[in-house]
Amino acid sequence: MADVQEIFTRILETKKKQKDIKSAYRDALASSEEYKTIIDKMTELRARKKQLENSIKQDFSGEFQKLDDYKIDLESDNTMLSDAAFTKLVKGETVAVTDEYNNNYEPLFVVKFKKT
C-alpha cells in the first residue's frame, strides 16, 4: 500500500494539472467575441429572471418562512442523528436505519484533512 504522504502529494500534483487546463480553457473562452456576447445576454436574462422570482417570492413569503424553519430543523436533526450513530458505534453497537420503503441505511464515516 502506498504511503499517505505519497498519495497526498500525487493528489496535489493532479489538482495543479487540472487547474492549469481549466485556466487555459477560461483564457480561450475570454478571447472569443461570440462567447462574450452570449454572456452579456445571459446576464440580462438572469436579471429579468431574478425580478420575476422576487415578485413571485413575495406572494409566498409565509411558505418561505416555513421553508427556512424546516431547513434549521433538518440541520439540527442531522447533527443529532450523526452524534447518536457515532455514539452507538463507539459503544460497539450496530447502527442502521430503515426508510418507509424498507431500504436499509448504514452510516458512512469520512476522514478529511485540513490545513493546520
PDB file of N, CA and C in Angstrom:
ATOM      1  N   MET A   1       0.843  -1.178   0.000  1.00  0.00           N
ATOM      2  CA  MET A   1       0.000   0.000   0.000  1.00  0.00           C
ATOM      3  C   MET A   1       0.886   1.238   0.000  1.00  0.00           C
ATOM      4  N   ALA A   2       0.488   2.263  -0.736  1.00  0.00           N
ATOM      5  CA  ALA A   2       1.269   3.484  -0.858  1.00  0.00           C
ATOM      6  C   ALA A   2       1.236   4.274   0.445  1.00  0.00           C
ATOM      7  N   ASP A   3       2.269   5.045   0.628  1.00  0.00           N
ATOM      8  CA  ASP A   3       2.384   5.888   1.808  1.00  0.00           C
ATOM      9  C   ASP A   3       1.368   7.038   1.717  1.00  0.00           C
ATOM     10  N   VAL A   4       0.833   7.455   2.837  1.00  0.00           N
ATOM     11  CA  VAL A   4      -0.166   8.527   2.878  1.00  0.00           C
ATOM     12  C   VAL A   4       0.403   9.806   2.280  1.00  0.00           C
ATOM     13  N   GLN A   5       1.651  10.133   2.602  1.00  0.00           N
ATOM     14  CA  GLN A   5       2.268  11.354   2.073  1.00  0.00           C
ATOM     15  C   GLN A   5       2.406  11.286   0.552  1.00  0.00           C
ATOM     16  N   GLU A   6       2.769  10.113   0.015  1.00  0.00           N
ATOM     17  CA  GLU A   6       2.900   9.960  -1.434  1.00  0.00           C
ATOM     18  C   GLU A   6       1.566  10.182  -2.129  1.00  0.00           C
ATOM     19  N   ILE A   7       0.525   9.612  -1.571  1.00  0.00           N
ATOM     20  CA  ILE A   7      -0.815   9.776  -2.148  1.00  0.00           C
ATOM     21  C   ILE A   7      -1.241  11.231  -2.089  1.00  0.00           C
ATOM     22  N   PHE A   8      -0.988  11.876  -0.950  1.00  0.00           N
ATOM     23  CA  PHE A   8      -1.351  13.283  -0.781  1.00  0.00           C
ATOM     24  C   PHE A   8      -0.611  14.143  -1.800  1.00  0.00           C
ATOM     25  N   THR A   9       0.673  13.896  -1.996  1.00  0.00           N
ATOM     26  CA  THR A   9       1.473  14.651  -2.956  1.00  0.00           C
ATOM     27  C   THR A   9       0.949  14.432  -4.374  1.00  0.00           C
ATOM     28  N   ARG A  10       0.587  13.204  -4.711  1.00  0.00           N
ATOM     29  CA  ARG A  10       0.052  12.900  -6.028  1.00  0.00           C
ATOM     30  C   ARG A  10      -1.274  13.644  -6.245  1.00  0.00           C
ATOM     31  N   ILE A  11      -2.099  13.715  -5.214  1.00  0.00           N
ATOM     32  CA  ILE A  11      -3.369  14.450  -5.308  1.00  0.00           C
ATOM     33  C   ILE A  11      -3.107  15.922  -5.590  1.00  0.00           C
ATOM     34  N   LEU A  12      -2.144  16.509  -4.878  1.00  0.00           N
ATOM     35  CA  LEU A  12      -1.816  17.918  -5.097  1.00  0.00           C
ATOM     36  C   LEU A  12      -1.321  18.162  -6.519  1.00  0.00           C
ATOM     37  N   GLU A  13      -0.483  17.260  -7.042  1.00  0.00           N
ATOM     38  CA  GLU A  13       0.028  17.403  -8.404  1.00  0.00           C
ATOM     39  C   GLU A  13      -1.105  17.303  -9.427  1.00  0.00           C
ATOM     40  N   THR A  14      -2.024  16.369  -9.227  1.00  0.00           N
ATOM     41  CA  THR A  14      -3.156  16.210 -10.136  1.00  0.00           C
ATOM     42  C   THR A  14      -4.048  17.444 -10.102  1.00  0.00           C
ATOM     43  N   LYS A  15      -4.280  17.992  -8.917  1.00  0.00           N
ATOM     44  CA  LYS A  15      -5.094  19.206  -8.808  1.00  0.00           C
ATOM     45  C   LYS A  15      -4.443  20.369  -9.536  1.00  0.00           C
ATOM     46  N   LYS A  16      -3.102  20.463  -9.464  1.00  0.00           N
ATOM     47  CA  LYS A  16      -2.382  21.533 -10.154  1.00  0.00           C
ATOM     48  C   LYS A  16      -2.532  21.385 -11.666  1.00  0.00           C
ATOM     49  N   LYS A  17      -2.442  20.151 -12.183  1.00  0.00           N
ATOM     50  CA  LYS A  17      -2.621  19.908 -13.616  1.00  0.00           C
ATOM     51  C   LYS A  17      -4.035  20.283 -14.049  1.00  0.00           C
ATOM     52  N   GLN A  18      -5.030  19.930 -13.230  1.00  0.00           N
ATOM     53  CA  GLN A  18      -6.418  20.291 -13.530  1.00  0.00           C
ATOM     54  C   GLN A  18      -6.563  21.804 -13.595  1.00  0.00           C
ATOM     55  N   LYS A  19      -5.963  22.490 -12.633  1.00  0.00           N
ATOM     56  CA  LYS A  19      -6.058  23.940 -12.563  1.00  0.00           C
ATOM     57  C   LYS A  19      -5.444  24.581 -13.802  1.00  0.00           C
ATOM     58  N   ASP A  20      -4.313  24.050 -14.266  1.00  0.00           N
ATOM     59  CA  ASP A  20      -3.658  24.595 -15.453  1.00  0.00           C
ATOM     60  C   ASP A  20      -4.538  24.456 -16.686  1.00  0.00           C
ATOM     61  N   ILE A  21      -5.152  23.288 -16.862  1.00  0.00           N
ATOM     62  CA  ILE A  21      -6.016  23.062 -18.024  1.00  0.00           C
ATOM     63  C   ILE A  21      -7.246  23.954 -17.961  1.00  0.00           C
ATOM     64  N   LYS A  22      -7.846  24.061 -16.789  1.00  0.00           N
ATOM     65  CA  LYS A  22      -9.032  24.905 -16.637  1.00  0.00           C
ATOM     66  C   LYS A  22      -8.698  26.370 -16.904  1.00  0.00           C
ATOM     67  N   SER A  23      -7.531  26.807 -16.480  1.00  0.00           N
ATOM     68  CA  SER A  23      -7.105  28.186 -16.708  1.00  0.00           C
ATOM     69  C   SER A  23      -6.935  28.458 -18.199  1.00  0.00           C
ATOM     70  N   ALA A  24      -6.309  27.540 -18.916  1.00  0.00           N
ATOM     71  CA  ALA A  24      -6.140  27.700 -20.361  1.00  0.00           C
ATOM     72  C   ALA A  24      -7.500  27.746 -21.051  1.00  0.00           C
ATOM     73  N   TYR A  25      -8.428  26.931 -20.615  1.00  0.00           N
ATOM     74  CA  TYR A  25      -9.780  26.902 -21.177  1.00  0.00           C
ATOM     75  C   TYR A  25     -10.486  28.240 -20.948  1.00  0.00           C
ATOM     76  N   ARG A  26     -10.399  28.771 -19.728  1.00  0.00           N
ATOM     77  CA  ARG A  26     -11.031  30.064 -19.429  1.00  0.00           C
ATOM     78  C   ARG A  26     -10.421  31.178 -20.270  1.00  0.00           C
ATOM     79  N   ASP A  27      -9.104  31.131 -20.484  1.00  0.00           N
ATOM     80  CA  ASP A  27      -8.449  32.143 -21.318  1.00  0.00           C
ATOM     81  C   ASP A  27      -8.953  32.074 -22.759  1.00  0.00           C
ATOM     82  N   ALA A  28      -9.135  30.849 -23.270  1.00  0.00           N
ATOM     83  CA  ALA A  28      -9.642  30.682 -24.632  1.00  0.00           C
ATOM     84  C   ALA A  28     -11.069  31.222 -24.743  1.00  0.00           C
ATOM     85  N   LEU A  29     -11.892  30.968 -23.727  1.00  0.00           N
ATOM     86  CA  LEU A  29     -13.256  31.497 -23.745  1.00  0.00           C
ATOM     87  C   LEU A  29     -13.253  33.024 -23.700  1.00  0.00           C
ATOM     88  N   ALA A  30     -12.386  33.590 -22.892  1.00  0.00           N
ATOM     89  CA  ALA A  30     -12.334  35.044 -22.737  1.00  0.00           C
ATOM     90  C   ALA A  30     -11.938  35.741 -24.037  1.00  0.00           C
ATOM     91  N   SER A  31     -11.238  35.056 -24.901  1.00  0.00           N
ATOM     92  CA  SER A  31     -10.800  35.680 -26.155  1.00  0.00           C
ATOM     93  C   SER A  31     -11.842  35.548 -27.272  1.00  0.00           C
ATOM     94  N   SER A  32     -12.931  34.851 -27.022  1.00  0.00           N
ATOM     95  CA  SER A  32     -13.978  34.646 -28.023  1.00  0.00           C
ATOM     96  C   SER A  32     -15.027  35.761 -27.927  1.00  0.00           C
ATOM     97  N   GLU A  33     -15.228  36.494 -29.037  1.00  0.00           N
ATOM     98  CA  GLU A  33     -16.210  37.585 -29.057  1.00  0.00           C
ATOM     99  C   GLU A  33     -17.642  37.049 -28.953  1.00  0.00           C
ATOM    100  N   GLU A  34     -17.936  35.962 -29.657  1.00  0.00           N
ATOM    101  CA  GLU A  34     -19.284  35.386 -29.599  1.00  0.00           C
ATOM    102  C   GLU A  34     -19.615  34.950 -28.173  1.00  0.00           C
ATOM    103  N   TYR A  35     -18.648  34.379 -27.486  1.00  0.00           N
ATOM    104  CA  TYR A  35     -18.848  33.953 -26.100  1.00  0.00           C
ATOM    105  C   TYR A  35     -19.181  35.157 -25.216  1.00  0.00           C
ATOM    106  N   LYS A  36     -18.454  36.254 -25.409  1.00  0.00           N
ATOM    107  CA  LYS A  36     -18.713  37.472 -24.618  1.00  0.00           C
ATOM    108  C   LYS A  36     -20.124  38.000 -24.867  1.00  0.00           C
ATOM    109  N   THR A  37     -20.575  37.968 -26.124  1.00  0.00           N
ATOM    110  CA  THR A  37     -21.918  38.432 -26.462  1.00  0.00           C
ATOM    111  C   THR A  37     -22.981  37.582 -25.778  1.00  0.00           C
ATOM    112  N   ILE A  38     -22.782  36.287 -25.822  1.00  0.00           N
ATOM    113  CA  ILE A  38     -23.742  35.374 -25.191  1.00  0.00           C
ATOM    114  C   ILE A  38     -23.758  35.579 -23.680  1.00  0.00           C
ATOM    115  N   ILE A  39     -22.611  35.785 -23.084  1.00  0.00           N
ATOM    116  CA  ILE A  39     -22.533  36.035 -21.632  1.00  0.00           C
ATOM    117  C   ILE A  39     -23.300  37.301 -21.274  1.00  0.00           C
ATOM    118  N   ASP A  40     -23.181  38.345 -22.094  1.00  0.00           N
ATOM    119  CA  ASP A  40     -23.920  39.588 -21.835  1.00  0.00           C
ATOM    120  C   ASP A  40     -25.428  39.355 -21.890  1.00  0.00           C
ATOM    121  N   LYS A  41     -25.880  38.589 -22.887  1.00  0.00           N
ATOM    122  CA  LYS A  41     -27.313  38.280 -22.993  1.00  0.00           C
ATOM    123  C   LYS A  41     -27.775  37.471 -21.785  1.00  0.00           C
ATOM    124  N   MET A  42     -26.952  36.519 -21.387  1.00  0.00           N
ATOM    125  CA  MET A  42     -27.306  35.703 -20.221  1.00  0.00           C
ATOM    126  C   MET A  42     -27.421  36.559 -18.964  1.00  0.00           C
ATOM    127  N   THR A  43     -26.535  37.525 -18.824  1.00  0.00           N
ATOM    128  CA  THR A  43     -26.574  38.408 -17.659  1.00  0.00           C
ATOM    129  C   THR A  43     -27.886  39.186 -17.612  1.00  0.00           C
ATOM    130  N   GLU A  44     -28.307  39.686 -18.775  1.00  0.00           N
ATOM    131  CA  GLU A  44     -29.584  40.401 -18.843  1.00  0.00           C
ATOM    132  C   GLU A  44     -30.748  39.475 -18.494  1.00  0.00           C
ATOM    133  N   LEU A  45     -30.737  38.267 -19.035  1.00  0.00           N
ATOM    134  CA  LEU A  45     -31.813  37.321 -18.766  1.00  0.00           C
ATOM    135  C   LEU A  45     -31.840  36.904 -17.297  1.00  0.00           C
ATOM    136  N   ARG A  46     -30.676  36.746 -16.694  1.00  0.00           N
ATOM    137  CA  ARG A  46     -30.634  36.396 -15.267  1.00  0.00           C
ATOM    138  C   ARG A  46     -31.244  37.507 -14.421  1.00  0.00           C
ATOM    139  N   ALA A  47     -30.951  38.759 -14.782  1.00  0.00           N
ATOM    140  CA  ALA A  47     -31.514  39.888 -14.032  1.00  0.00           C
ATOM    141  C   ALA A  47     -33.038  39.883 -14.136  1.00  0.00           C
ATOM    142  N   ARG A  48     -33.548  39.637 -15.330  1.00  0.00           N
ATOM    143  CA  ARG A  48     -35.004  39.580 -15.516  1.00  0.00           C
ATOM    144  C   ARG A  48     -35.601  38.403 -14.749  1.00  0.00           C
ATOM    145  N   LYS A  49     -34.924  37.259 -14.799  1.00  0.00           N
ATOM    146  CA  LYS A  49     -35.366  36.077 -14.064  1.00  0.00           C
ATOM    147  C   LYS A  49     -35.432  36.377 -12.573  1.00  0.00           C
ATOM    148  N   LYS A  50     -34.426  37.064 -12.063  1.00  0.00           N
ATOM    149  CA  LYS A  50     -34.377  37.400 -10.635  1.00  0.00           C
ATOM    150  C   LYS A  50     -35.548  38.312 -10.253  1.00  0.00           C
ATOM    151  N   GLN A  51     -35.874  39.256 -11.137  1.00  0.00           N
ATOM    152  CA  GLN A  51     -37.010  40.136 -10.876  1.00  0.00           C
ATOM    153  C   GLN A  51     -38.307  39.323 -10.770  1.00  0.00           C
ATOM    154  N   LEU A  52     -38.498  38.411 -11.688  1.00  0.00           N
ATOM    155  CA  LEU A  52     -39.707  37.575 -11.664  1.00  0.00           C
ATOM    156  C   LEU A  52     -39.747  36.701 -10.416  1.00  0.00           C
ATOM    157  N   GLU A  53     -38.610  36.106 -10.070  1.00  0.00           N
ATOM    158  CA  GLU A  53     -38.564  35.264  -8.867  1.00  0.00           C
ATOM    159  C   GLU A  53     -38.901  36.061  -7.626  1.00  0.00           C
ATOM    160  N   ASN A  54     -38.342  37.262  -7.506  1.00  0.00           N
ATOM    161  CA  ASN A  54     -38.616  38.086  -6.326  1.00  0.00           C
ATOM    162  C   ASN A  54     -40.082  38.499  -6.258  1.00  0.00           C
ATOM    163  N   SER A  55     -40.673  38.778  -7.415  1.00  0.00           N
ATOM    164  CA  SER A  55     -42.086  39.140  -7.450  1.00  0.00           C
ATOM    165  C   SER A  55     -42.950  37.987  -6.942  1.00  0.00           C
ATOM    166  N   ILE A  56     -42.666  36.791  -7.428  1.00  0.00           N
ATOM    167  CA  ILE A  56     -43.446  35.622  -7.011  1.00  0.00           C
ATOM    168  C   ILE A  56     -43.115  35.234  -5.578  1.00  0.00           C
ATOM    169  N   LYS A  57     -41.877  35.434  -5.180  1.00  0.00           N
ATOM    170  CA  LYS A  57     -41.457  35.092  -3.813  1.00  0.00           C
ATOM    171  C   LYS A  57     -42.231  35.907  -2.778  1.00  0.00           C
ATOM    172  N   GLN A  58     -42.574  37.134  -3.116  1.00  0.00           N
ATOM    173  CA  GLN A  58     -43.352  37.962  -2.193  1.00  0.00           C
ATOM    174  C   GLN A  58     -44.721  37.341  -1.929  1.00  0.00           C
ATOM    175  N   ASP A  59     -45.282  36.687  -2.953  1.00  0.00           N
ATOM    176  CA  ASP A  59     -46.576  36.034  -2.778  1.00  0.00           C
ATOM    177  C   ASP A  59     -46.482  34.808  -1.883  1.00  0.00           C
ATOM    178  N   PHE A  60     -45.288  34.239  -1.776  1.00  0.00           N
ATOM    179  CA  PHE A  60     -45.081  33.014  -0.996  1.00  0.00           C
ATOM    180  C   PHE A  60     -44.262  33.267   0.272  1.00  0.00           C
ATOM    181  N   SER A  61     -44.347  34.463   0.818  1.00  0.00           N
ATOM    182  CA  SER A  61     -43.494  34.809   1.966  1.00  0.00           C
ATOM    183  C   SER A  61     -43.732  33.892   3.164  1.00  0.00           C
ATOM    184  N   GLY A  62     -44.961  33.515   3.423  1.00  0.00           N
ATOM    185  CA  GLY A  62     -45.258  32.618   4.543  1.00  0.00           C
ATOM    186  C   GLY A  62     -44.661  31.242   4.342  1.00  0.00           C
ATOM    187  N   GLU A  63     -44.757  30.744   3.114  1.00  0.00           N
ATOM    188  CA  GLU A  63     -44.194  29.426   2.811  1.00  0.00           C
ATOM    189  C   GLU A  63     -42.670  29.433   2.916  1.00  0.00           C
ATOM    190  N   PHE A  64     -42.053  30.546   2.523  1.00  0.00           N
ATOM    191  CA  PHE A  64     -40.600  30.618   2.615  1.00  0.00           C
ATOM    192  C   PHE A  64     -40.131  30.677   4.070  1.00  0.00           C
ATOM    193  N   GLN A  65     -40.942  31.265   4.939  1.00  0.00           N
ATOM    194  CA  GLN A  65     -40.602  31.247   6.362  1.00  0.00           C
ATOM    195  C   GLN A  65     -40.631  29.813   6.881  1.00  0.00           C
ATOM    196  N   LYS A  66     -41.661  29.054   6.473  1.00  0.00           N
ATOM    197  CA  LYS A  66     -41.744  27.645   6.863  1.00  0.00           C
ATOM    198  C   LYS A  66     -40.546  26.871   6.299  1.00  0.00           C
ATOM    199  N   LEU A  67     -40.171  27.187   5.060  1.00  0.00           N
ATOM    200  CA  LEU A  67     -39.034  26.527   4.427  1.00  0.00           C
ATOM    201  C   LEU A  67     -37.750  26.765   5.214  1.00  0.00           C
ATOM    202  N   ASP A  68     -37.545  28.001   5.679  1.00  0.00           N
ATOM    203  CA  ASP A  68     -36.366  28.309   6.500  1.00  0.00           C
ATOM    204  C   ASP A  68     -36.401  27.545   7.819  1.00  0.00           C
ATOM    205  N   ASP A  69     -37.591  27.456   8.422  1.00  0.00           N
ATOM    206  CA  ASP A  69     -37.723  26.703   9.674  1.00  0.00           C
ATOM    207  C   ASP A  69     -37.413  25.223   9.463  1.00  0.00           C
ATOM    208  N   TYR A  70     -37.903  24.671   8.345  1.00  0.00           N
ATOM    209  CA  TYR A  70     -37.625  23.270   8.035  1.00  0.00           C
ATOM    210  C   TYR A  70     -36.129  23.033   7.827  1.00  0.00           C
ATOM    211  N   LYS A  71     -35.475  23.978   7.196  1.00  0.00           N
ATOM    212  CA  LYS A  71     -34.033  23.851   6.959  1.00  0.00           C
ATOM    213  C   LYS A  71     -33.277  23.793   8.281  1.00  0.00           C
ATOM    214  N   ILE A  72     -33.639  24.650   9.213  1.00  0.00           N
ATOM    215  CA  ILE A  72     -32.993  24.663  10.530  1.00  0.00           C
ATOM    216  C   ILE A  72     -33.270  23.350  11.258  1.00  0.00           C
ATOM    217  N   ASP A  73     -34.525  22.880  11.184  1.00  0.00           N
ATOM    218  CA  ASP A  73     -34.879  21.607  11.822  1.00  0.00           C
ATOM    219  C   ASP A  73     -34.075  20.445  11.237  1.00  0.00           C
ATOM    220  N   LEU A  74     -33.923  20.424   9.907  1.00  0.00           N
ATOM    221  CA  LEU A  74     -33.168  19.357   9.263  1.00  0.00           C
ATOM    222  C   LEU A  74     -31.704  19.364   9.683  1.00  0.00           C
ATOM    223  N   GLU A  75     -31.109  20.543   9.740  1.00  0.00           N
ATOM    224  CA  GLU A  75     -29.708  20.626  10.155  1.00  0.00           C
ATOM    225  C   GLU A  75     -29.541  20.116  11.579  1.00  0.00           C
ATOM    226  N   SER A  76     -30.453  20.492  12.451  1.00  0.00           N
ATOM    227  CA  SER A  76     -30.405  20.061  13.840  1.00  0.00           C
ATOM    228  C   SER A  76     -30.589  18.543  13.946  1.00  0.00           C
ATOM    229  N   ASP A  77     -31.575  18.019  13.229  1.00  0.00           N
ATOM    230  CA  ASP A  77     -31.833  16.580  13.276  1.00  0.00           C
ATOM    231  C   ASP A  77     -30.680  15.782  12.681  1.00  0.00           C
ATOM    232  N   ASN A  78     -30.084  16.268  11.599  1.00  0.00           N
ATOM    233  CA  ASN A  78     -28.941  15.578  11.007  1.00  0.00           C
ATOM    234  C   ASN A  78     -27.756  15.537  11.964  1.00  0.00           C
ATOM    235  N   THR A  79     -27.540  16.622  12.689  1.00  0.00           N
ATOM    236  CA  THR A  79     -26.465  16.653  13.681  1.00  0.00           C
ATOM    237  C   THR A  79     -26.746  15.653  14.796  1.00  0.00           C
ATOM    238  N   MET A  80     -27.992  15.628  15.283  1.00  0.00           N
ATOM    239  CA  MET A  80     -28.346  14.680  16.340  1.00  0.00           C
ATOM    240  C   MET A  80     -28.205  13.242  15.855  1.00  0.00           C
ATOM    241  N   LEU A  81     -28.628  12.977  14.604  1.00  0.00           N
ATOM    242  CA  LEU A  81     -28.515  11.631  14.045  1.00  0.00           C
ATOM    243  C   LEU A  81     -27.049  11.207  13.957  1.00  0.00           C
ATOM    244  N   SER A  82     -26.190  12.099  13.494  1.00  0.00           N
ATOM    245  CA  SER A  82     -24.762  11.783  13.395  1.00  0.00           C
ATOM    246  C   SER A  82     -24.167  11.517  14.766  1.00  0.00           C
ATOM    247  N   ASP A  83     -24.507  12.350  15.722  1.00  0.00           N
ATOM    248  CA  ASP A  83     -23.977  12.174  17.079  1.00  0.00           C
ATOM    249  C   ASP A  83     -24.452  10.856  17.689  1.00  0.00           C
ATOM    250  N   ALA A  84     -25.730  10.558  17.516  1.00  0.00           N
ATOM    251  CA  ALA A  84     -26.278   9.325  18.088  1.00  0.00           C
ATOM    252  C   ALA A  84     -25.664   8.093  17.418  1.00  0.00           C
ATOM    253  N   ALA A  85     -25.504   8.131  16.095  1.00  0.00           N
ATOM    254  CA  ALA A  85     -24.918   6.998  15.381  1.00  0.00           C
ATOM    255  C   ALA A  85     -23.465   6.801  15.788  1.00  0.00           C
ATOM    256  N   PHE A  86     -22.726   7.880  15.899  1.00  0.00           N
ATOM    257  CA  PHE A  86     -21.314   7.772  16.279  1.00  0.00           C
ATOM    258  C   PHE A  86     -21.185   7.236  17.699  1.00  0.00           C
ATOM    259  N   THR A  87     -22.049   7.681  18.595  1.00  0.00           N
ATOM    260  CA  THR A  87     -22.025   7.205  19.980  1.00  0.00           C
ATOM    261  C   THR A  87     -22.305   5.707  20.034  1.00  0.00           C
ATOM    262  N   LYS A  88     -23.319   5.247  19.295  1.00  0.00           N
ATOM    263  CA  LYS A  88     -23.629   3.812  19.278  1.00  0.00           C
ATOM    264  C   LYS A  88     -22.479   3.012  18.693  1.00  0.00           C
ATOM    265  N   LEU A  89     -21.860   3.534  17.650  1.00  0.00           N
ATOM    266  CA  LEU A  89     -20.755   2.834  17.008  1.00  0.00           C
ATOM    267  C   LEU A  89     -19.554   2.719  17.940  1.00  0.00           C
ATOM    268  N   VAL A  90     -19.269   3.786  18.677  1.00  0.00           N
ATOM    269  CA  VAL A  90     -18.148   3.768  19.628  1.00  0.00           C
ATOM    270  C   VAL A  90     -18.410   2.742  20.729  1.00  0.00           C
ATOM    271  N   LYS A  91     -19.666   2.572  21.104  1.00  0.00           N
ATOM    272  CA  LYS A  91     -20.015   1.595  22.133  1.00  0.00           C
ATOM    273  C   LYS A  91     -19.994   0.164  21.594  1.00  0.00           C
ATOM    274  N   GLY A  92     -19.785   0.009  20.282  1.00  0.00           N
ATOM    275  CA  GLY A  92     -19.725  -1.314  19.690  1.00  0.00           C
ATOM    276  C   GLY A  92     -21.065  -1.844  19.232  1.00  0.00           C
ATOM    277  N   GLU A  93     -22.084  -1.024  19.242  1.00  0.00           N
ATOM    278  CA  GLU A  93     -23.407  -1.450  18.819  1.00  0.00           C
ATOM    279  C   GLU A  93     -23.555  -1.300  17.305  1.00  0.00           C
ATOM    280  N   THR A  94     -24.450  -2.067  16.715  1.00  0.00           N
ATOM    281  CA  THR A  94     -24.725  -1.977  15.285  1.00  0.00           C
ATOM    282  C   THR A  94     -25.610  -0.764  15.022  1.00  0.00           C
ATOM    283  N   VAL A  95     -25.279  -0.032  13.976  1.00  0.00           N
ATOM    284  CA  VAL A  95     -26.039   1.168  13.635  1.00  0.00           C
ATOM    285  C   VAL A  95     -26.624   0.989  12.241  1.00  0.00           C
ATOM    286  N   ALA A  96     -27.942   1.073  12.133  1.00  0.00           N
ATOM    287  CA  ALA A  96     -28.632   1.005  10.844  1.00  0.00           C
ATOM    288  C   ALA A  96     -30.011   1.622  11.005  1.00  0.00           C
ATOM    289  N   VAL A  97     -30.511   2.198   9.923  1.00  0.00           N
ATOM    290  CA  VAL A  97     -31.856   2.773   9.922  1.00  0.00           C
ATOM    291  C   VAL A  97     -32.579   2.295   8.667  1.00  0.00           C
ATOM    292  N   THR A  98     -33.904   2.406   8.674  1.00  0.00           N
ATOM    293  CA  THR A  98     -34.732   1.949   7.562  1.00  0.00           C
ATOM    294  C   THR A  98     -35.722   3.047   7.206  1.00  0.00           C
ATOM    295  N   ASP A  99     -35.924   3.283   5.889  1.00  0.00           N
ATOM    296  CA  ASP A  99     -36.902   4.282   5.471  1.00  0.00           C
ATOM    297  C   ASP A  99     -38.278   3.644   5.264  1.00  0.00           C
ATOM    298  N   GLU A 100     -39.232   4.438   4.780  1.00  0.00           N
ATOM    299  CA  GLU A 100     -40.595   3.952   4.642  1.00  0.00           C
ATOM    300  C   GLU A 100     -40.750   2.875   3.572  1.00  0.00           C
ATOM    301  N   TYR A 101     -39.745   2.714   2.702  1.00  0.00           N
ATOM    302  CA  TYR A 101     -39.778   1.684   1.661  1.00  0.00           C
ATOM    303  C   TYR A 101     -38.948   0.450   2.038  1.00  0.00           C
ATOM    304  N   ASN A 102     -38.605   0.346   3.296  1.00  0.00           N
ATOM    305  CA  ASN A 102     -37.793  -0.746   3.838  1.00  0.00           C
ATOM    306  C   ASN A 102     -36.392  -0.822   3.236  1.00  0.00           C
ATOM    307  N   ASN A 103     -35.875   0.329   2.802  1.00  0.00           N
ATOM    308  CA  ASN A 103     -34.478   0.404   2.370  1.00  0.00           C
ATOM    309  C   ASN A 103     -33.623   0.590   3.611  1.00  0.00           C
ATOM    310  N   ASN A 104     -32.579  -0.213   3.716  1.00  0.00           N
ATOM    311  CA  ASN A 104     -31.688  -0.111   4.871  1.00  0.00           C
ATOM    312  C   ASN A 104     -30.543   0.853   4.587  1.00  0.00           C
ATOM    313  N   TYR A 105     -30.154   1.601   5.604  1.00  0.00           N
ATOM    314  CA  TYR A 105     -29.054   2.547   5.516  1.00  0.00           C
ATOM    315  C   TYR A 105     -28.096   2.271   6.662  1.00  0.00           C
ATOM    316  N   GLU A 106     -26.816   2.327   6.360  1.00  0.00           N
ATOM    317  CA  GLU A 106     -25.820   2.202   7.414  1.00  0.00           C
ATOM    318  C   GLU A 106     -24.921   3.431   7.345  1.00  0.00           C
ATOM    319  N   PRO A 107     -24.293   3.779   8.446  1.00  0.00           N
ATOM    320  CA  PRO A 107     -23.521   5.016   8.480  1.00  0.00           C
ATOM    321  C   PRO A 107     -22.267   4.940   7.607  1.00  0.00           C
ATOM    322  N   LEU A 108     -21.879   6.095   7.121  1.00  0.00           N
ATOM    323  CA  LEU A 108     -20.665   6.240   6.329  1.00  0.00           C
ATOM    324  C   LEU A 108     -19.841   7.344   6.989  1.00  0.00           C
ATOM    325  N   PHE A 109     -18.644   6.997   7.377  1.00  0.00           N
ATOM    326  CA  PHE A 109     -17.777   7.967   8.028  1.00  0.00           C
ATOM    327  C   PHE A 109     -16.662   8.344   7.068  1.00  0.00           C
ATOM    328  N   VAL A 110     -16.336   9.638   7.020  1.00  0.00           N
ATOM    329  CA  VAL A 110     -15.348  10.156   6.083  1.00  0.00           C
ATOM    330  C   VAL A 110     -14.228  10.831   6.871  1.00  0.00           C
ATOM    331  N   VAL A 111     -13.005  10.627   6.418  1.00  0.00           N
ATOM    332  CA  VAL A 111     -11.864  11.307   7.016  1.00  0.00           C
ATOM    333  C   VAL A 111     -11.401  12.380   6.051  1.00  0.00           C
ATOM    334  N   LYS A 112     -11.288  13.589   6.534  1.00  0.00           N
ATOM    335  CA  LYS A 112     -10.814  14.708   5.721  1.00  0.00           C
ATOM    336  C   LYS A 112      -9.656  15.353   6.446  1.00  0.00           C
ATOM    337  N   PHE A 113      -8.787  15.987   5.683  1.00  0.00           N
ATOM    338  CA  PHE A 113      -7.657  16.700   6.266  1.00  0.00           C
ATOM    339  C   PHE A 113      -7.823  18.192   6.003  1.00  0.00           C
ATOM    340  N   LYS A 114      -7.473  18.991   6.975  1.00  0.00           N
ATOM    341  CA  LYS A 114      -7.498  20.430   6.799  1.00  0.00           C
ATOM    342  C   LYS A 114      -6.126  20.981   7.114  1.00  0.00           C
ATOM    343  N   LYS A 115      -5.808  22.089   6.488  1.00  0.00           N
ATOM    344  CA  LYS A 115      -4.504  22.707   6.680  1.00  0.00           C
ATOM    345  C   LYS A 115      -4.415  23.260   8.100  1.00  0.00           C
ATOM    346  N   THR A 116      -3.292  23.009   8.760  1.00  0.00           N
ATOM    347  CA  THR A 116      -3.123  23.493  10.136  1.00  0.00           C
ATOM    348  C   THR A 116      -2.067  24.569  10.201  1.00  0.00           C
TER     349      THR A 116
END
